[in-house]
């Protein structure tokens, strides 16, 4: 039986493929829409955006971020809603 090896360059090229980046964006958009829906249901003002970038090791990322981390994690004066966390759990 022949030994198969996959080079690091092959993996880096696969990660940079437009289809991979497009699918990451599709999932991030779905999470963002669900987060907005959850925020509306909880009567919470939440501004979100999808940021796309490539990590130093070459892995592409599409990340949903919100403008108010206090709503996500809670503080002494702000209730914890965990909207992004709940939206991400539902998307997986």
PDB file of N, CA and C in Angstrom:
ATOM      1  N   UNK A   1       0.832  -1.169   0.000  1.00  0.00           N
ATOM      2  CA  UNK A   1       0.000   0.000   0.000  1.00  0.00           C
ATOM      3  C   UNK A   1       0.884   1.242   0.000  1.00  0.00           C
ATOM      4  N   UNK A   2       0.564   2.193  -0.855  1.00  0.00           N
ATOM      5  CA  UNK A   2       1.359   3.407  -0.989  1.00  0.00           C
ATOM      6  C   UNK A   2       1.053   4.387   0.135  1.00  0.00           C
ATOM      7  N   UNK A   3       2.084   5.078   0.558  1.00  0.00           N
ATOM      8  CA  UNK A   3       1.923   6.098   1.595  1.00  0.00           C
ATOM      9  C   UNK A   3       1.495   7.408   0.935  1.00  0.00           C
ATOM     10  N   UNK A   4       0.463   8.031   1.487  1.00  0.00           N
ATOM     11  CA  UNK A   4      -0.021   9.302   0.966  1.00  0.00           C
ATOM     12  C   UNK A   4       0.399  10.400   1.924  1.00  0.00           C
ATOM     13  N   UNK A   5       0.979  11.444   1.373  1.00  0.00           N
ATOM     14  CA  UNK A   5       1.331  12.580   2.226  1.00  0.00           C
ATOM     15  C   UNK A   5       0.760  13.851   1.608  1.00  0.00           C
ATOM     16  N   UNK A   6       0.310  14.715   2.465  1.00  0.00           N
ATOM     17  CA  UNK A   6      -0.269  15.985   2.024  1.00  0.00           C
ATOM     18  C   UNK A   6       0.646  17.087   2.529  1.00  0.00           C
ATOM     19  N   UNK A   7       1.073  17.924   1.626  1.00  0.00           N
ATOM     20  CA  UNK A   7       2.014  18.972   2.001  1.00  0.00           C
ATOM     21  C   UNK A   7       1.304  20.148   2.670  1.00  0.00           C
ATOM     22  N   UNK A   8       2.074  20.889   3.425  1.00  0.00           N
ATOM     23  CA  UNK A   8       1.556  22.095   4.068  1.00  0.00           C
ATOM     24  C   UNK A   8       1.075  23.091   3.012  1.00  0.00           C
ATOM     25  N   UNK A   9       1.785  23.185   1.909  1.00  0.00           N
ATOM     26  CA  UNK A   9       1.400  24.101   0.835  1.00  0.00           C
ATOM     27  C   UNK A   9       0.027  23.730   0.270  1.00  0.00           C
ATOM     28  N   UNK A  10      -0.239  22.441   0.135  1.00  0.00           N
ATOM     29  CA  UNK A  10      -1.537  21.986  -0.367  1.00  0.00           C
ATOM     30  C   UNK A  10      -2.656  22.416   0.590  1.00  0.00           C
ATOM     31  N   UNK A  11      -2.423  22.247   1.876  1.00  0.00           N
ATOM     32  CA  UNK A  11      -3.426  22.628   2.874  1.00  0.00           C
ATOM     33  C   UNK A  11      -3.648  24.134   2.848  1.00  0.00           C
ATOM     34  N   UNK A  12      -2.563  24.913   2.758  1.00  0.00           N
ATOM     35  CA  UNK A  12      -2.700  26.367   2.697  1.00  0.00           C
ATOM     36  C   UNK A  12      -3.483  26.792   1.459  1.00  0.00           C
ATOM     37  N   UNK A  13      -3.228  26.166   0.333  1.00  0.00           N
ATOM     38  CA  UNK A  13      -3.971  26.481  -0.893  1.00  0.00           C
ATOM     39  C   UNK A  13      -5.449  26.125  -0.741  1.00  0.00           C
ATOM     40  N   UNK A  14      -5.727  24.990  -0.112  1.00  0.00           N
ATOM     41  CA  UNK A  14      -7.120  24.585   0.095  1.00  0.00           C
ATOM     42  C   UNK A  14      -7.833  25.576   1.006  1.00  0.00           C
ATOM     43  N   UNK A  15      -7.173  26.037   2.058  1.00  0.00           N
ATOM     44  CA  UNK A  15      -7.793  27.000   2.978  1.00  0.00           C
ATOM     45  C   UNK A  15      -8.089  28.325   2.283  1.00  0.00           C
ATOM     46  N   UNK A  16      -7.280  28.695   1.309  1.00  0.00           N
ATOM     47  CA  UNK A  16      -7.457  29.971   0.624  1.00  0.00           C
ATOM     48  C   UNK A  16      -8.414  29.885  -0.572  1.00  0.00           C
ATOM     49  N   UNK A  17      -8.949  28.718  -0.838  1.00  0.00           N
ATOM     50  CA  UNK A  17      -9.882  28.537  -1.956  1.00  0.00           C
ATOM     51  C   UNK A  17     -11.122  29.405  -1.742  1.00  0.00           C
ATOM     52  N   UNK A  18     -11.600  30.028  -2.794  1.00  0.00           N
ATOM     53  CA  UNK A  18     -12.758  30.919  -2.689  1.00  0.00           C
ATOM     54  C   UNK A  18     -14.003  30.202  -2.165  1.00  0.00           C
ATOM     55  N   UNK A  19     -14.162  28.927  -2.481  1.00  0.00           N
ATOM     56  CA  UNK A  19     -15.303  28.173  -1.991  1.00  0.00           C
ATOM     57  C   UNK A  19     -15.297  28.033  -0.471  1.00  0.00           C
ATOM     58  N   UNK A  20     -14.117  27.871   0.098  1.00  0.00           N
ATOM     59  CA  UNK A  20     -13.982  27.781   1.555  1.00  0.00           C
ATOM     60  C   UNK A  20     -14.345  29.115   2.185  1.00  0.00           C
ATOM     61  N   UNK A  21     -13.788  30.197   1.650  1.00  0.00           N
ATOM     62  CA  UNK A  21     -14.081  31.527   2.189  1.00  0.00           C
ATOM     63  C   UNK A  21     -15.559  31.877   2.035  1.00  0.00           C
ATOM     64  N   UNK A  22     -16.133  31.502   0.924  1.00  0.00           N
ATOM     65  CA  UNK A  22     -17.565  31.767   0.677  1.00  0.00           C
ATOM     66  C   UNK A  22     -18.431  31.031   1.699  1.00  0.00           C
ATOM     67  N   UNK A  23     -18.102  29.783   2.001  1.00  0.00           N
ATOM     68  CA  UNK A  23     -18.884  29.014   2.972  1.00  0.00           C
ATOM     69  C   UNK A  23     -18.722  29.575   4.381  1.00  0.00           C
ATOM     70  N   UNK A  24     -17.533  30.031   4.727  1.00  0.00           N
ATOM     71  CA  UNK A  24     -17.348  30.680   6.026  1.00  0.00           C
ATOM     72  C   UNK A  24     -18.247  31.901   6.141  1.00  0.00           C
ATOM     73  N   UNK A  25     -18.352  32.664   5.055  1.00  0.00           N
ATOM     74  CA  UNK A  25     -19.211  33.857   5.056  1.00  0.00           C
ATOM     75  C   UNK A  25     -20.687  33.474   5.172  1.00  0.00           C
ATOM     76  N   UNK A  26     -21.086  32.400   4.503  1.00  0.00           N
ATOM     77  CA  UNK A  26     -22.479  31.931   4.581  1.00  0.00           C
ATOM     78  C   UNK A  26     -22.844  31.606   6.029  1.00  0.00           C
ATOM     79  N   UNK A  27     -21.974  30.894   6.715  1.00  0.00           N
ATOM     80  CA  UNK A  27     -22.240  30.516   8.108  1.00  0.00           C
ATOM     81  C   UNK A  27     -22.257  31.767   8.995  1.00  0.00           C
ATOM     82  N   UNK A  28     -21.299  32.670   8.788  1.00  0.00           N
ATOM     83  CA  UNK A  28     -21.258  33.898   9.587  1.00  0.00           C
ATOM     84  C   UNK A  28     -22.512  34.741   9.366  1.00  0.00           C
ATOM     85  N   UNK A  29     -22.970  34.836   8.123  1.00  0.00           N
ATOM     86  CA  UNK A  29     -24.198  35.590   7.838  1.00  0.00           C
ATOM     87  C   UNK A  29     -25.397  34.960   8.539  1.00  0.00           C
ATOM     88  N   UNK A  30     -25.453  33.627   8.562  1.00  0.00           N
ATOM     89  CA  UNK A  30     -26.555  32.934   9.232  1.00  0.00           C
ATOM     90  C   UNK A  30     -26.527  33.223  10.744  1.00  0.00           C
ATOM     91  N   UNK A  31     -25.333  33.208  11.328  1.00  0.00           N
ATOM     92  CA  UNK A  31     -25.192  33.506  12.754  1.00  0.00           C
ATOM     93  C   UNK A  31     -25.603  34.951  13.032  1.00  0.00           C
ATOM     94  N   UNK A  32     -25.184  35.868  12.171  1.00  0.00           N
ATOM     95  CA  UNK A  32     -25.531  37.281  12.360  1.00  0.00           C
ATOM     96  C   UNK A  32     -27.045  37.498  12.282  1.00  0.00           C
ATOM     97  N   UNK A  33     -27.699  36.873  11.310  1.00  0.00           N
ATOM     98  CA  UNK A  33     -29.165  37.003  11.200  1.00  0.00           C
ATOM     99  C   UNK A  33     -29.852  36.445  12.438  1.00  0.00           C
ATOM    100  N   UNK A  34     -29.394  35.297  12.924  1.00  0.00           N
ATOM    101  CA  UNK A  34     -30.013  34.692  14.104  1.00  0.00           C
ATOM    102  C   UNK A  34     -29.762  35.556  15.333  1.00  0.00           C
ATOM    103  N   UNK A  35     -28.581  36.141  15.451  1.00  0.00           N
ATOM    104  CA  UNK A  35     -28.285  37.025  16.580  1.00  0.00           C
ATOM    105  C   UNK A  35     -29.216  38.232  16.564  1.00  0.00           C
ATOM    106  N   UNK A  36     -29.454  38.791  15.392  1.00  0.00           N
ATOM    107  CA  UNK A  36     -30.370  39.926  15.298  1.00  0.00           C
ATOM    108  C   UNK A  36     -31.785  39.517  15.696  1.00  0.00           C
ATOM    109  N   UNK A  37     -32.184  38.328  15.308  1.00  0.00           N
ATOM    110  CA  UNK A  37     -33.503  37.818  15.670  1.00  0.00           C
ATOM    111  C   UNK A  37     -33.617  37.627  17.188  1.00  0.00           C
ATOM    112  N   UNK A  38     -32.595  37.027  17.796  1.00  0.00           N
ATOM    113  CA  UNK A  38     -32.602  36.831  19.244  1.00  0.00           C
ATOM    114  C   UNK A  38     -32.594  38.168  19.984  1.00  0.00           C
ATOM    115  N   UNK A  39     -31.830  39.128  19.477  1.00  0.00           N
ATOM    116  CA  UNK A  39     -31.786  40.447  20.112  1.00  0.00           C
ATOM    117  C   UNK A  39     -33.164  41.103  20.070  1.00  0.00           C
ATOM    118  N   UNK A  40     -33.845  40.979  18.938  1.00  0.00           N
ATOM    119  CA  UNK A  40     -35.189  41.527  18.831  1.00  0.00           C
ATOM    120  C   UNK A  40     -36.156  40.863  19.798  1.00  0.00           C
ATOM    121  N   UNK A  41     -36.054  39.553  19.919  1.00  0.00           N
ATOM    122  CA  UNK A  41     -36.931  38.816  20.824  1.00  0.00           C
ATOM    123  C   UNK A  41     -36.659  39.177  22.287  1.00  0.00           C
ATOM    124  N   UNK A  42     -35.398  39.483  22.606  1.00  0.00           N
ATOM    125  CA  UNK A  42     -35.035  39.856  23.972  1.00  0.00           C
ATOM    126  C   UNK A  42     -35.160  41.360  24.207  1.00  0.00           C
ATOM    127  N   UNK A  43     -35.584  42.105  23.171  1.00  0.00           N
ATOM    128  CA  UNK A  43     -35.721  43.564  23.231  1.00  0.00           C
ATOM    129  C   UNK A  43     -34.397  44.227  23.610  1.00  0.00           C
ATOM    130  N   UNK A  44     -33.335  43.795  22.900  1.00  0.00           N
ATOM    131  CA  UNK A  44     -31.986  44.299  23.142  1.00  0.00           C
ATOM    132  C   UNK A  44     -31.482  44.973  21.873  1.00  0.00           C
ATOM    133  N   UNK A  45     -30.905  46.147  22.018  1.00  0.00           N
ATOM    134  CA  UNK A  45     -30.273  46.849  20.901  1.00  0.00           C
ATOM    135  C   UNK A  45     -28.907  46.211  20.663  1.00  0.00           C
ATOM    136  N   UNK A  46     -28.684  45.653  19.484  1.00  0.00           N
ATOM    137  CA  UNK A  46     -27.426  44.964  19.204  1.00  0.00           C
ATOM    138  C   UNK A  46     -26.998  45.253  17.773  1.00  0.00           C
ATOM    139  N   UNK A  47     -25.826  45.854  17.628  1.00  0.00           N
ATOM    140  CA  UNK A  47     -25.247  46.100  16.315  1.00  0.00           C
ATOM    141  C   UNK A  47     -24.169  45.060  16.075  1.00  0.00           C
ATOM    142  N   UNK A  48     -24.264  44.375  14.951  1.00  0.00           N
ATOM    143  CA  UNK A  48     -23.295  43.327  14.622  1.00  0.00           C
ATOM    144  C   UNK A  48     -22.691  43.585  13.257  1.00  0.00           C
ATOM    145  N   UNK A  49     -21.576  42.940  13.008  1.00  0.00           N
ATOM    146  CA  UNK A  49     -20.963  42.948  11.684  1.00  0.00           C
ATOM    147  C   UNK A  49     -20.148  41.675  11.524  1.00  0.00           C
ATOM    148  N   UNK A  50     -19.920  41.298  10.276  1.00  0.00           N
ATOM    149  CA  UNK A  50     -19.073  40.147   9.972  1.00  0.00           C
ATOM    150  C   UNK A  50     -17.722  40.687   9.529  1.00  0.00           C
ATOM    151  N   UNK A  51     -16.681  40.234  10.194  1.00  0.00           N
ATOM    152  CA  UNK A  51     -15.312  40.606   9.822  1.00  0.00           C
ATOM    153  C   UNK A  51     -14.640  39.391   9.201  1.00  0.00           C
ATOM    154  N   UNK A  52     -14.043  39.599   8.054  1.00  0.00           N
ATOM    155  CA  UNK A  52     -13.317  38.529   7.368  1.00  0.00           C
ATOM    156  C   UNK A  52     -11.840  38.882   7.361  1.00  0.00           C
ATOM    157  N   UNK A  53     -11.020  37.904   7.739  1.00  0.00           N
ATOM    158  CA  UNK A  53      -9.581  38.113   7.747  1.00  0.00           C
ATOM    159  C   UNK A  53      -8.889  36.769   7.678  1.00  0.00           C
ATOM    160  N   UNK A  54      -7.585  36.807   7.553  1.00  0.00           N
ATOM    161  CA  UNK A  54      -6.781  35.590   7.522  1.00  0.00           C
ATOM    162  C   UNK A  54      -5.837  35.617   8.702  1.00  0.00           C
ATOM    163  N   UNK A  55      -5.838  34.551   9.472  1.00  0.00           N
ATOM    164  CA  UNK A  55      -4.947  34.445  10.632  1.00  0.00           C
ATOM    165  C   UNK A  55      -3.502  34.321  10.146  1.00  0.00           C
ATOM    166  N   UNK A  56      -2.543  34.654  10.996  1.00  0.00           N
ATOM    167  CA  UNK A  56      -1.132  34.595  10.588  1.00  0.00           C
ATOM    168  C   UNK A  56      -0.711  33.236  10.021  1.00  0.00           C
ATOM    169  N   UNK A  57      -1.326  32.159  10.479  1.00  0.00           N
ATOM    170  CA  UNK A  57      -0.974  30.834   9.969  1.00  0.00           C
ATOM    171  C   UNK A  57      -1.606  30.518   8.623  1.00  0.00           C
ATOM    172  N   UNK A  58      -2.455  31.416   8.115  1.00  0.00           N
ATOM    173  CA  UNK A  58      -3.060  31.224   6.809  1.00  0.00           C
ATOM    174  C   UNK A  58      -4.517  30.797   6.824  1.00  0.00           C
ATOM    175  N   UNK A  59      -5.104  30.600   8.016  1.00  0.00           N
ATOM    176  CA  UNK A  59      -6.492  30.142   8.093  1.00  0.00           C
ATOM    177  C   UNK A  59      -7.446  31.313   7.942  1.00  0.00           C
ATOM    178  N   UNK A  60      -8.363  31.234   6.968  1.00  0.00           N
ATOM    179  CA  UNK A  60      -9.334  32.309   6.803  1.00  0.00           C
ATOM    180  C   UNK A  60     -10.406  32.241   7.890  1.00  0.00           C
ATOM    181  N   UNK A  61     -10.945  33.411   8.238  1.00  0.00           N
ATOM    182  CA  UNK A  61     -11.940  33.513   9.300  1.00  0.00           C
ATOM    183  C   UNK A  61     -13.043  34.474   8.852  1.00  0.00           C
ATOM    184  N   UNK A  62     -14.275  34.132   9.167  1.00  0.00           N
ATOM    185  CA  UNK A  62     -15.403  35.056   9.040  1.00  0.00           C
ATOM    186  C   UNK A  62     -16.028  35.085  10.432  1.00  0.00           C
ATOM    187  N   UNK A  63     -15.896  36.207  11.116  1.00  0.00           N
ATOM    188  CA  UNK A  63     -16.244  36.306  12.528  1.00  0.00           C
ATOM    189  C   UNK A  63     -17.358  37.330  12.723  1.00  0.00           C
ATOM    190  N   UNK A  64     -18.368  36.962  13.500  1.00  0.00           N
ATOM    191  CA  UNK A  64     -19.442  37.889  13.829  1.00  0.00           C
ATOM    192  C   UNK A  64     -19.062  38.583  15.126  1.00  0.00           C
ATOM    193  N   UNK A  65     -19.079  39.902  15.104  1.00  0.00           N
ATOM    194  CA  UNK A  65     -18.760  40.677  16.295  1.00  0.00           C
ATOM    195  C   UNK A  65     -19.911  41.630  16.599  1.00  0.00           C
ATOM    196  N   UNK A  66     -20.076  41.931  17.878  1.00  0.00           N
ATOM    197  CA  UNK A  66     -21.108  42.854  18.329  1.00  0.00           C
ATOM    198  C   UNK A  66     -20.451  44.063  18.972  1.00  0.00           C
ATOM    199  N   UNK A  67     -21.184  45.147  19.021  1.00  0.00           N
ATOM    200  CA  UNK A  67     -20.630  46.389  19.543  1.00  0.00           C
ATOM    201  C   UNK A  67     -20.693  46.511  21.060  1.00  0.00           C
ATOM    202  N   UNK A  68     -21.332  45.567  21.749  1.00  0.00           N
ATOM    203  CA  UNK A  68     -21.496  45.696  23.187  1.00  0.00           C
ATOM    204  C   UNK A  68     -21.236  44.348  23.863  1.00  0.00           C
ATOM    205  N   UNK A  69     -19.999  44.152  24.285  1.00  0.00           N
ATOM    206  CA  UNK A  69     -19.662  42.873  24.923  1.00  0.00           C
ATOM    207  C   UNK A  69     -20.336  42.719  26.282  1.00  0.00           C
ATOM    208  N   UNK A  70     -20.743  43.821  26.914  1.00  0.00           N
ATOM    209  CA  UNK A  70     -21.418  43.724  28.209  1.00  0.00           C
ATOM    210  C   UNK A  70     -22.728  42.950  28.081  1.00  0.00           C
ATOM    211  N   UNK A  71     -23.413  43.090  26.950  1.00  0.00           N
ATOM    212  CA  UNK A  71     -24.656  42.355  26.741  1.00  0.00           C
ATOM    213  C   UNK A  71     -24.387  40.865  26.585  1.00  0.00           C
ATOM    214  N   UNK A  72     -23.240  40.530  26.056  1.00  0.00           N
ATOM    215  CA  UNK A  72     -22.908  39.118  25.845  1.00  0.00           C
ATOM    216  C   UNK A  72     -22.566  38.438  27.172  1.00  0.00           C
ATOM    217  N   UNK A  73     -21.734  39.085  27.959  1.00  0.00           N
ATOM    218  CA  UNK A  73     -21.198  38.452  29.167  1.00  0.00           C
ATOM    219  C   UNK A  73     -21.821  38.973  30.462  1.00  0.00           C
ATOM    220  N   UNK A  74     -22.447  40.129  30.393  1.00  0.00           N
ATOM    221  CA  UNK A  74     -23.061  40.717  31.576  1.00  0.00           C
ATOM    222  C   UNK A  74     -22.061  41.475  32.431  1.00  0.00           C
ATOM    223  N   UNK A  75     -22.578  42.430  33.169  1.00  0.00           N
ATOM    224  CA  UNK A  75     -21.779  43.198  34.122  1.00  0.00           C
ATOM    225  C   UNK A  75     -22.648  43.420  35.354  1.00  0.00           C
ATOM    226  N   UNK A  76     -22.130  44.187  36.285  1.00  0.00           N
ATOM    227  CA  UNK A  76     -22.911  44.496  37.480  1.00  0.00           C
ATOM    228  C   UNK A  76     -24.165  45.289  37.137  1.00  0.00           C
ATOM    229  N   UNK A  77     -24.110  46.052  36.032  1.00  0.00           N
ATOM    230  CA  UNK A  77     -25.255  46.900  35.691  1.00  0.00           C
ATOM    231  C   UNK A  77     -25.990  46.469  34.420  1.00  0.00           C
ATOM    232  N   UNK A  78     -25.483  45.466  33.725  1.00  0.00           N
ATOM    233  CA  UNK A  78     -26.087  45.009  32.463  1.00  0.00           C
ATOM    234  C   UNK A  78     -26.365  43.512  32.553  1.00  0.00           C
ATOM    235  N   UNK A  79     -27.569  43.126  32.199  1.00  0.00           N
ATOM    236  CA  UNK A  79     -27.916  41.701  32.200  1.00  0.00           C
ATOM    237  C   UNK A  79     -27.110  40.937  31.164  1.00  0.00           C
ATOM    238  N   UNK A  80     -26.871  39.679  31.427  1.00  0.00           N
ATOM    239  CA  UNK A  80     -26.166  38.792  30.491  1.00  0.00           C
ATOM    240  C   UNK A  80     -27.193  38.186  29.542  1.00  0.00           C
ATOM    241  N   UNK A  81     -27.023  38.437  28.230  1.00  0.00           N
ATOM    242  CA  UNK A  81     -27.952  37.903  27.240  1.00  0.00           C
ATOM    243  C   UNK A  81     -27.348  36.769  26.418  1.00  0.00           C
ATOM    244  N   UNK A  82     -26.019  36.781  26.229  1.00  0.00           N
ATOM    245  CA  UNK A  82     -25.305  35.735  25.484  1.00  0.00           C
ATOM    246  C   UNK A  82     -25.907  35.495  24.101  1.00  0.00           C
ATOM    247  N   UNK A  83     -26.235  36.576  23.405  1.00  0.00           N
ATOM    248  CA  UNK A  83     -26.918  36.488  22.113  1.00  0.00           C
ATOM    249  C   UNK A  83     -26.023  35.854  21.053  1.00  0.00           C
ATOM    250  N   UNK A  84     -24.790  36.313  20.917  1.00  0.00           N
ATOM    251  CA  UNK A  84     -23.899  35.724  19.903  1.00  0.00           C
ATOM    252  C   UNK A  84     -23.604  34.265  20.207  1.00  0.00           C
ATOM    253  N   UNK A  85     -23.400  33.949  21.465  1.00  0.00           N
ATOM    254  CA  UNK A  85     -23.139  32.561  21.839  1.00  0.00           C
ATOM    255  C   UNK A  85     -24.305  31.653  21.511  1.00  0.00           C
ATOM    256  N   UNK A  86     -25.511  32.100  21.812  1.00  0.00           N
ATOM    257  CA  UNK A  86     -26.700  31.294  21.499  1.00  0.00           C
ATOM    258  C   UNK A  86     -26.869  31.149  19.993  1.00  0.00           C
ATOM    259  N   UNK A  87     -26.647  32.229  19.255  1.00  0.00           N
ATOM    260  CA  UNK A  87     -26.787  32.176  17.789  1.00  0.00           C
ATOM    261  C   UNK A  87     -25.771  31.218  17.185  1.00  0.00           C
ATOM    262  N   UNK A  88     -24.535  31.244  17.691  1.00  0.00           N
ATOM    263  CA  UNK A  88     -23.491  30.357  17.163  1.00  0.00           C
ATOM    264  C   UNK A  88     -23.796  28.898  17.480  1.00  0.00           C
ATOM    265  N   UNK A  89     -24.303  28.634  18.681  1.00  0.00           N
ATOM    266  CA  UNK A  89     -24.652  27.253  19.046  1.00  0.00           C
ATOM    267  C   UNK A  89     -25.722  26.690  18.115  1.00  0.00           C
ATOM    268  N   UNK A  90     -26.701  27.510  17.780  1.00  0.00           N
ATOM    269  CA  UNK A  90     -27.780  27.064  16.903  1.00  0.00           C
ATOM    270  C   UNK A  90     -27.303  26.826  15.485  1.00  0.00           C
ATOM    271  N   UNK A  91     -26.255  27.517  15.063  1.00  0.00           N
ATOM    272  CA  UNK A  91     -25.765  27.388  13.695  1.00  0.00           C
ATOM    273  C   UNK A  91     -24.921  26.134  13.490  1.00  0.00           C
ATOM    274  N   UNK A  92     -24.412  25.572  14.574  1.00  0.00           N
ATOM    275  CA  UNK A  92     -23.527  24.411  14.404  1.00  0.00           C
ATOM    276  C   UNK A  92     -24.273  23.104  14.422  1.00  0.00           C
TER     277      UNK A  92
END
